[in-house]
Amino acid sequence: MINEKNEKKRAGEKKVTTRDIARECGLSQTTVSMILSGKGNVSFSGETISLVRETASRLGYVYRPRQVKKEVRLKRTIMILCPSLATQYYTTLIQSITEYAQERDICTLTAYTSRSEKIEEYYLAMAADQDFLGLIYTFPPKAGKLLNEVALKIPVVMISDYNPDLKAGFLELDSKKSGILVARHLLGLGHRRIAYVTTPLLAAELPRLRRLQGIQEEYERKGLGRDAVVVLADTEEMWKTYRSGNRHYESGYRMTLQYFYKPSGVTAFIGTNDMVAIGIMDALDKLGYRVPEDYSVCGFDNTLNSSFAGISLTTVDHCIEEKGRSAVDMIVDQRKRSGEKARQSGGQKEDRTIPRTRIEYQPLLVARRSTGPPAQWGEDQNRNRR
């Protein structure tokens, strides 16, 4: 009788299940499932494993991993593209996006590009092919052409300086305004010659360039000229050699030490972000200088470290957490509108209409103890080391 049943199952009248195998072997269904799925954190005797596998083969059982519906697996996932994990700006932003998305029953996947256009293109293609809920860019993209193509399929939100060539929603913060705020603060304290210390000034790194532009233009408006802002930019070749775990810190530290081989009268240093600024402060300490008595130091982003009592860095707040939440809302809103449009057209798929949503956040200067009036150095900036 058992053999007749087996023959019927093999003939396709009924799919063989783990329950059938368990009944044949005289074992529990749980034991059979664990053995056939290859579960690694449990152990069974060799005889039991052989019995289950031989019985499964004889009955014609085909193991099929449990499938998660695509709707659950993918359409409720937002991909976050991030160029670096070395600064608290990006880690705080990713945390803000992720926590708020989870409150809305949405998962996130962080795609670390390491500023590689090739890797960026890979993740863009993946997001479009798998129909993610949306994409959030936390930096100016290098693969702009492909991004515009992907934006026709799924929502894309940029958290960056505005770029009219990109077909995406924008959560915008004008880095030029941030530079102006820092320049005005230092001018008000009496600093007439300052240094802007930055990681490589590449064309794709728009925020770094815009901050410098704002600083330079503000000094020009005061009649001091662009040469009043000394630019200490690290090289891309040197940047690639850093292995300390934080290239931004290393860049600020090294460029500051390099400046003092031939000082040129600056009384304040501005780091292109908070981590660069902390590198500047440590380099000054190594050389025996005090902050702010000997030199003032500023940064950008108002990350957690900048508020620590031992650092107390003057910086610019860029509304990190607010931008993260707004980005998720924009993705969900775009998806909702796309769904309504699809229902109205009878479910026919077509390229999305790109919404030109722009929300601009205003930067805010946070003055702390790292800035003060300039020291009077005269000719030799090396003379007053403690």
Protein backbone atom coordinates (compact mmCIF):
# COMPACT_ATOMS: atom_id res chain seq x y z
CA MET A 1 0.00 0.00 0.00
CA ILE A 2 2.82 2.44 0.87
CA ASN A 3 4.60 1.77 -2.41
CA GLU A 4 1.37 2.50 -4.36
CA LYS A 5 1.10 5.84 -2.60
CA ASN A 6 4.71 6.64 -3.39
CA GLU A 7 4.18 5.80 -7.03
CA LYS A 8 1.18 8.13 -7.19
CA LYS A 9 3.22 10.93 -5.65
CA ARG A 10 6.03 10.39 -8.15
CA ALA A 11 3.45 10.48 -10.91
CA GLY A 12 2.56 14.01 -9.85
CA GLU A 13 -0.79 13.48 -8.18
CA LYS A 14 0.49 14.98 -4.93
CA LYS A 15 3.60 16.95 -3.99
CA VAL A 16 5.81 15.15 -1.49
CA THR A 17 6.18 17.08 1.75
CA THR A 18 8.42 16.85 4.79
CA ARG A 19 5.41 15.45 6.65
CA ASP A 20 5.33 12.48 4.26
CA ILE A 21 9.06 11.87 4.79
CA ALA A 22 8.68 12.17 8.57
CA ARG A 23 5.88 9.60 8.54
CA GLU A 24 7.98 7.17 6.49
CA CYS A 25 11.02 7.57 8.74
CA GLY A 26 9.17 7.62 12.04
CA LEU A 27 10.67 11.01 12.90
CA SER A 28 9.28 14.43 13.68
CA GLN A 29 8.62 16.84 10.82
CA THR A 30 10.90 19.38 12.53
CA THR A 31 13.83 16.94 12.47
CA VAL A 32 13.28 16.20 8.79
CA SER A 33 13.05 19.89 7.89
CA MET A 34 16.28 20.70 9.76
CA ILE A 35 18.20 17.93 8.03
CA LEU A 36 16.94 18.70 4.53
CA SER A 37 17.53 22.44 4.90
CA GLY A 38 21.06 21.85 6.17
CA LYS A 39 20.55 23.82 9.37
CA GLY A 40 24.02 24.33 10.83
CA ASN A 41 23.45 24.90 14.55
CA VAL A 42 21.95 21.43 15.31
CA SER A 43 23.40 17.91 15.07
CA PHE A 44 21.94 14.47 14.29
CA SER A 45 23.50 11.04 14.03
CA GLY A 46 24.85 9.93 10.69
CA GLU A 47 22.25 7.14 10.53
CA THR A 48 19.36 9.59 10.99
CA ILE A 49 20.70 11.96 8.35
CA SER A 50 21.20 9.09 5.86
CA LEU A 51 17.71 7.74 6.54
CA VAL A 52 16.05 11.10 5.91
CA ARG A 53 18.00 11.86 2.75
CA GLU A 54 17.51 8.38 1.26
CA THR A 55 13.79 8.46 2.01
CA ALA A 56 13.45 11.94 0.51
CA SER A 57 15.22 10.76 -2.64
CA ARG A 58 13.09 7.62 -2.92
CA LEU A 59 9.86 9.58 -2.55
CA GLY A 60 10.93 12.16 -5.13
CA TYR A 61 11.05 15.08 -2.71
CA VAL A 62 12.40 18.34 -4.11
CA TYR A 63 13.68 20.86 -1.55
CA ARG A 64 12.37 24.35 -2.18
CA PRO A 65 13.66 27.15 0.10
CA ARG A 66 10.89 29.24 1.51
CA GLN A 67 10.27 32.16 -0.80
CA VAL A 68 9.57 35.64 0.52
CA LYS A 69 7.18 37.57 -1.65
CA LYS A 70 8.90 40.21 -3.77
CA GLU A 71 6.48 42.84 -2.51
CA VAL A 72 7.65 42.23 1.05
CA ARG A 73 11.30 41.64 0.20
CA LEU A 74 11.97 44.56 -2.08
CA LYS A 75 9.25 47.14 -2.48
CA ARG A 76 9.50 48.09 1.17
CA THR A 77 13.26 48.69 1.07
CA ILE A 78 15.07 51.99 0.55
CA MET A 79 18.66 51.94 -0.67
CA ILE A 80 20.94 54.57 0.89
CA LEU A 81 24.01 55.41 -1.18
CA CYS A 82 26.89 56.62 0.95
CA PRO A 83 30.44 57.55 -0.19
CA SER A 84 32.19 57.23 3.17
CA LEU A 85 31.70 55.93 6.69
CA ALA A 86 34.68 57.83 8.11
CA THR A 87 32.76 60.90 9.30
CA GLN A 88 29.92 61.19 11.76
CA TYR A 89 27.96 63.24 9.23
CA TYR A 90 27.24 60.16 7.12
CA THR A 91 26.79 57.70 9.98
CA THR A 92 24.39 60.07 11.76
CA LEU A 93 22.47 60.68 8.53
CA ILE A 94 22.19 56.95 7.80
CA GLN A 95 21.01 56.30 11.36
CA SER A 96 18.38 59.03 11.06
CA ILE A 97 17.06 57.63 7.77
CA THR A 98 17.04 54.05 9.04
CA GLU A 99 15.33 54.71 12.36
CA TYR A 100 12.59 56.82 10.79
CA ALA A 101 12.09 54.31 7.95
CA GLN A 102 11.67 51.49 10.47
CA GLU A 103 8.99 53.51 12.25
CA ARG A 104 7.13 53.39 8.93
CA ASP A 105 7.73 49.63 8.50
CA ILE A 106 10.35 50.24 5.81
CA CYS A 107 13.75 48.53 5.66
CA THR A 108 16.96 50.19 4.48
CA LEU A 109 20.06 48.91 2.73
CA THR A 110 23.24 51.00 2.95
CA ALA A 111 25.37 50.87 -0.21
CA TYR A 112 28.93 52.06 0.45
CA THR A 113 30.42 53.37 -2.80
CA SER A 114 33.89 54.47 -1.59
CA ARG A 115 33.45 57.33 -4.11
CA SER A 116 33.82 54.88 -7.01
CA GLU A 117 31.70 55.60 -10.08
CA LYS A 118 31.77 51.93 -11.07
CA ILE A 119 30.44 50.78 -7.68
CA GLU A 120 27.85 53.54 -7.75
CA GLU A 121 26.60 52.35 -11.14
CA TYR A 122 26.38 48.77 -9.84
CA TYR A 123 24.10 49.79 -6.97
CA LEU A 124 21.97 52.00 -9.21
CA ALA A 125 21.38 49.11 -11.61
CA MET A 126 20.54 46.82 -8.70
CA ALA A 127 17.99 49.24 -7.26
CA ALA A 128 16.26 49.70 -10.61
CA ASP A 129 16.28 46.00 -11.50
CA GLN A 130 14.93 44.90 -8.11
CA ASP A 131 12.37 47.72 -7.93
CA PHE A 132 13.38 49.14 -4.56
CA LEU A 133 10.97 51.51 -2.85
CA GLY A 134 13.41 54.31 -3.59
CA LEU A 135 16.97 55.62 -3.51
CA ILE A 136 18.47 58.20 -1.16
CA TYR A 137 21.76 59.78 -2.22
CA THR A 138 23.77 61.34 0.60
CA PHE A 139 26.38 62.94 -1.70
CA PRO A 140 26.77 64.46 -5.18
CA PRO A 141 26.76 61.50 -7.61
CA LYS A 142 29.40 60.66 -10.17
CA ALA A 143 27.07 58.45 -12.24
CA GLY A 144 24.64 61.26 -13.03
CA LYS A 145 23.53 59.93 -16.42
CA LEU A 146 22.55 56.51 -15.09
CA LEU A 147 20.94 58.11 -12.04
CA ASN A 148 18.62 60.09 -14.31
CA GLU A 149 17.62 56.89 -16.09
CA VAL A 150 16.92 55.11 -12.80
CA ALA A 151 14.88 58.10 -11.57
CA LEU A 152 12.38 57.33 -14.35
CA LYS A 153 11.70 53.97 -12.71
CA ILE A 154 11.90 54.55 -8.95
CA PRO A 155 11.96 57.63 -6.69
CA VAL A 156 15.37 59.22 -6.08
CA VAL A 157 16.08 61.84 -3.41
CA MET A 158 19.34 63.79 -3.20
CA ILE A 159 20.66 65.15 0.11
CA SER A 160 23.20 67.58 -1.26
CA ASP A 161 23.76 70.95 -2.89
CA TYR A 162 21.27 71.51 -5.70
CA ASN A 163 22.19 70.32 -9.19
CA PRO A 164 19.65 71.20 -11.93
CA ASP A 165 21.04 68.46 -14.20
CA LEU A 166 19.79 65.68 -11.91
CA LYS A 167 16.24 64.35 -12.16
CA ALA A 168 15.56 63.87 -8.48
CA GLY A 169 13.93 65.41 -5.47
CA PHE A 170 16.33 67.55 -3.47
CA LEU A 171 16.86 68.10 0.23
CA GLU A 172 19.17 70.99 -0.30
CA LEU A 173 21.66 72.74 1.91
CA ASP A 174 23.69 75.42 0.14
CA SER A 175 27.26 74.83 1.28
CA LYS A 176 28.21 78.27 0.05
CA LYS A 177 25.97 79.79 2.73
CA SER A 178 27.73 77.63 5.33
CA GLY A 179 31.10 79.02 4.20
CA ILE A 180 29.77 82.56 4.45
CA LEU A 181 28.60 81.97 8.03
CA VAL A 182 32.03 80.76 9.15
CA ALA A 183 33.81 83.59 7.33
CA ARG A 184 31.58 86.22 8.96
CA HIS A 185 32.19 84.69 12.39
CA LEU A 186 35.97 84.81 12.00
CA LEU A 187 35.92 88.30 10.47
CA GLY A 188 33.85 89.50 13.41
CA LEU A 189 36.52 88.18 15.76
CA GLY A 190 39.21 90.06 13.83
CA HIS A 191 40.82 87.30 11.72
CA ARG A 192 42.14 88.80 8.48
CA ARG A 193 44.14 85.87 7.15
CA ILE A 194 42.87 82.32 7.52
CA ALA A 195 43.46 78.81 6.12
CA TYR A 196 40.90 76.45 4.60
CA VAL A 197 42.09 72.87 5.21
CA THR A 198 40.41 70.30 2.99
CA THR A 199 40.49 66.79 1.67
CA PRO A 200 41.07 66.64 -2.12
CA LEU A 201 39.18 69.38 -3.98
CA LEU A 202 37.79 67.23 -6.77
CA ALA A 203 35.12 68.48 -9.18
CA ALA A 204 32.63 65.92 -7.87
CA GLU A 205 33.04 67.10 -4.26
CA LEU A 206 30.67 70.03 -4.60
CA PRO A 207 30.15 70.82 -0.87
CA ARG A 208 33.90 71.25 -0.29
CA LEU A 209 34.17 73.61 -3.25
CA ARG A 210 31.06 75.59 -2.34
CA ARG A 211 32.20 76.11 1.26
CA LEU A 212 35.50 77.48 0.02
CA GLN A 213 33.67 79.71 -2.46
CA GLY A 214 31.52 81.20 0.29
CA ILE A 215 34.55 81.88 2.51
CA GLN A 216 36.52 83.51 -0.30
CA GLU A 217 33.65 85.71 -1.47
CA GLU A 218 32.94 86.95 2.05
CA TYR A 219 36.59 87.94 2.53
CA GLU A 220 36.53 89.67 -0.85
CA ARG A 221 33.44 91.64 0.18
CA LYS A 222 35.45 92.96 3.12
CA GLY A 223 38.15 94.14 0.72
CA LEU A 224 40.72 91.57 1.81
CA GLY A 225 41.04 89.66 -1.46
CA ARG A 226 41.14 85.93 -2.12
CA ASP A 227 44.77 85.65 -1.04
CA ALA A 228 43.53 86.28 2.51
CA VAL A 229 42.23 82.68 2.40
CA VAL A 230 45.11 80.20 2.19
CA VAL A 231 43.92 76.89 0.69
CA LEU A 232 45.60 73.80 2.16
CA ALA A 233 44.18 71.02 0.00
CA ASP A 234 45.36 67.46 0.34
CA THR A 235 46.28 65.57 -2.84
CA GLU A 236 44.35 62.60 -4.15
CA GLU A 237 47.58 60.56 -4.29
CA MET A 238 48.35 61.18 -0.62
CA TRP A 239 44.70 60.65 0.36
CA LYS A 240 44.85 57.08 -0.99
CA THR A 241 47.85 56.23 1.20
CA TYR A 242 46.17 56.93 4.55
CA ARG A 243 45.52 53.79 6.59
CA SER A 244 44.72 55.27 10.01
CA GLY A 245 41.01 54.42 9.84
CA ASN A 246 39.88 58.00 9.24
CA ARG A 247 41.27 59.75 6.20
CA HIS A 248 39.50 63.03 7.01
CA TYR A 249 41.21 63.30 10.39
CA GLU A 250 44.54 62.26 8.88
CA SER A 251 44.19 64.85 6.13
CA GLY A 252 43.53 67.70 8.59
CA TYR A 253 46.39 66.60 10.80
CA ARG A 254 48.96 66.25 8.01
CA MET A 255 48.05 69.43 6.12
CA THR A 256 48.32 71.48 9.31
CA LEU A 257 51.76 70.12 10.14
CA GLN A 258 52.82 70.80 6.56
CA TYR A 259 51.68 74.43 6.79
CA PHE A 260 54.10 75.12 9.65
CA TYR A 261 57.13 74.21 7.57
CA LYS A 262 56.57 77.62 6.01
CA PRO A 263 53.86 79.56 7.91
CA SER A 264 52.29 82.51 6.13
CA GLY A 265 50.55 84.54 8.84
CA VAL A 266 47.16 82.83 9.25
CA THR A 267 45.44 83.15 12.61
CA ALA A 268 42.59 80.65 12.10
CA PHE A 269 42.03 77.29 10.44
CA ILE A 270 38.76 76.06 8.90
CA GLY A 271 38.34 72.31 8.34
CA THR A 272 36.12 71.26 5.46
CA ASN A 273 34.25 69.08 7.98
CA ASP A 274 34.37 68.44 11.73
CA MET A 275 36.70 65.46 11.48
CA VAL A 276 39.23 67.46 9.45
CA ALA A 277 38.95 70.23 12.05
CA ILE A 278 39.66 67.78 14.89
CA GLY A 279 42.76 66.67 12.98
CA ILE A 280 43.80 70.33 12.81
CA MET A 281 43.35 70.75 16.57
CA ASP A 282 45.45 67.68 17.35
CA ALA A 283 48.23 68.86 15.02
CA LEU A 284 48.26 72.27 16.73
CA ASP A 285 48.45 70.57 20.12
CA LYS A 286 51.37 68.44 18.95
CA LEU A 287 53.20 71.60 17.88
CA GLY A 288 52.61 73.22 21.27
CA TYR A 289 49.91 75.71 20.26
CA ARG A 290 46.71 76.45 22.16
CA VAL A 291 43.18 76.70 20.76
CA PRO A 292 41.84 79.38 20.62
CA GLU A 293 44.55 81.48 22.36
CA ASP A 294 47.07 80.90 19.56
CA TYR A 295 44.82 79.75 16.70
CA SER A 296 41.08 79.52 16.17
CA VAL A 297 39.59 76.42 14.52
CA CYS A 298 36.20 75.88 12.84
CA GLY A 299 34.49 72.93 11.16
CA PHE A 300 31.25 71.99 9.41
CA ASP A 301 28.38 69.55 10.20
CA ASN A 302 27.97 69.89 14.00
CA THR A 303 28.56 66.19 14.60
CA LEU A 304 28.48 64.68 18.07
CA ASN A 305 32.25 64.80 18.60
CA SER A 306 32.34 68.54 18.00
CA SER A 307 30.22 69.12 21.11
CA PHE A 308 32.48 67.15 23.50
CA ALA A 309 33.89 69.34 26.27
CA GLY A 310 37.50 68.60 25.37
CA ILE A 311 36.90 69.63 21.74
CA SER A 312 34.16 72.29 21.89
CA LEU A 313 34.44 73.01 18.16
CA THR A 314 32.80 76.00 16.50
CA THR A 315 30.94 74.51 13.54
CA VAL A 316 27.90 74.78 11.28
CA ASP A 317 24.76 72.74 11.91
CA HIS A 318 23.46 71.09 8.73
CA CYS A 319 20.14 69.69 10.04
CA ILE A 320 21.33 66.10 9.63
CA GLU A 321 18.48 64.31 11.40
CA GLU A 322 15.76 66.48 9.87
CA LYS A 323 17.06 65.80 6.37
CA GLY A 324 17.07 62.05 6.98
CA ARG A 325 13.40 61.98 8.01
CA SER A 326 12.33 64.24 5.17
CA ALA A 327 14.10 62.02 2.63
CA VAL A 328 12.04 59.00 3.70
CA ASP A 329 8.81 61.04 3.52
CA MET A 330 9.66 62.20 0.00
CA ILE A 331 10.29 58.62 -1.18
CA VAL A 332 6.99 57.38 0.28
CA ASP A 333 5.07 60.34 -1.15
CA GLN A 334 6.51 59.80 -4.65
CA ARG A 335 5.65 56.08 -4.52
CA LYS A 336 2.13 56.86 -3.42
CA ARG A 337 1.62 59.27 -6.30
CA SER A 338 3.10 56.77 -8.77
CA GLY A 339 0.71 54.10 -7.47
CA GLU A 340 -2.30 56.36 -7.85
CA LYS A 341 -1.26 57.21 -11.39
CA ALA A 342 -0.84 53.51 -12.25
CA ARG A 343 -4.33 52.72 -10.94
CA GLN A 344 -5.80 55.52 -13.01
CA SER A 345 -4.13 54.14 -16.13
CA GLY A 346 -5.41 50.62 -15.53
CA GLY A 347 -2.18 49.29 -14.05
CA GLN A 348 -0.07 49.91 -17.14
CA LYS A 349 3.60 50.46 -16.34
CA GLU A 350 5.28 53.55 -17.73
CA ASP A 351 8.13 55.85 -16.87
CA ARG A 352 7.51 58.04 -13.85
CA THR A 353 6.99 61.77 -14.02
CA ILE A 354 9.94 63.19 -12.10
CA PRO A 355 8.75 65.55 -9.33
CA ARG A 356 10.94 68.63 -8.92
CA THR A 357 10.51 68.81 -5.16
CA ARG A 358 13.12 70.95 -3.42
CA ILE A 359 13.40 71.62 0.30
CA GLU A 360 16.21 73.93 1.37
CA TYR A 361 17.53 73.85 4.92
CA GLN A 362 19.27 76.90 6.32
CA PRO A 363 22.66 76.35 7.99
CA LEU A 364 23.20 77.58 11.56
CA LEU A 365 26.52 78.60 13.09
CA VAL A 366 27.21 76.97 16.48
CA ALA A 367 29.91 79.02 18.24
CA ARG A 368 31.95 77.17 20.87
CA ARG A 369 35.29 77.58 22.62
CA SER A 370 37.56 76.77 19.66
CA THR A 371 37.31 80.32 18.28
CA GLY A 372 38.41 83.65 19.72
CA PRO A 373 40.27 86.86 18.80
CA PRO A 374 43.50 86.40 16.77
CA ALA A 375 46.89 86.21 18.45
CA GLN A 376 49.48 88.83 17.47
CA TRP A 377 52.26 86.78 15.89
CA GLY A 378 54.24 89.37 13.97
CA GLU A 379 56.86 87.87 11.68
CA ASP A 380 57.50 84.48 13.29
CA GLN A 381 54.57 82.15 13.96
CA ASN A 382 56.89 79.60 15.55
CA ARG A 383 58.09 81.79 18.40
CA ASN A 384 55.43 81.23 21.07
CA ARG A 385 55.18 77.49 21.27
CA ARG A 386 54.76 76.38 24.86
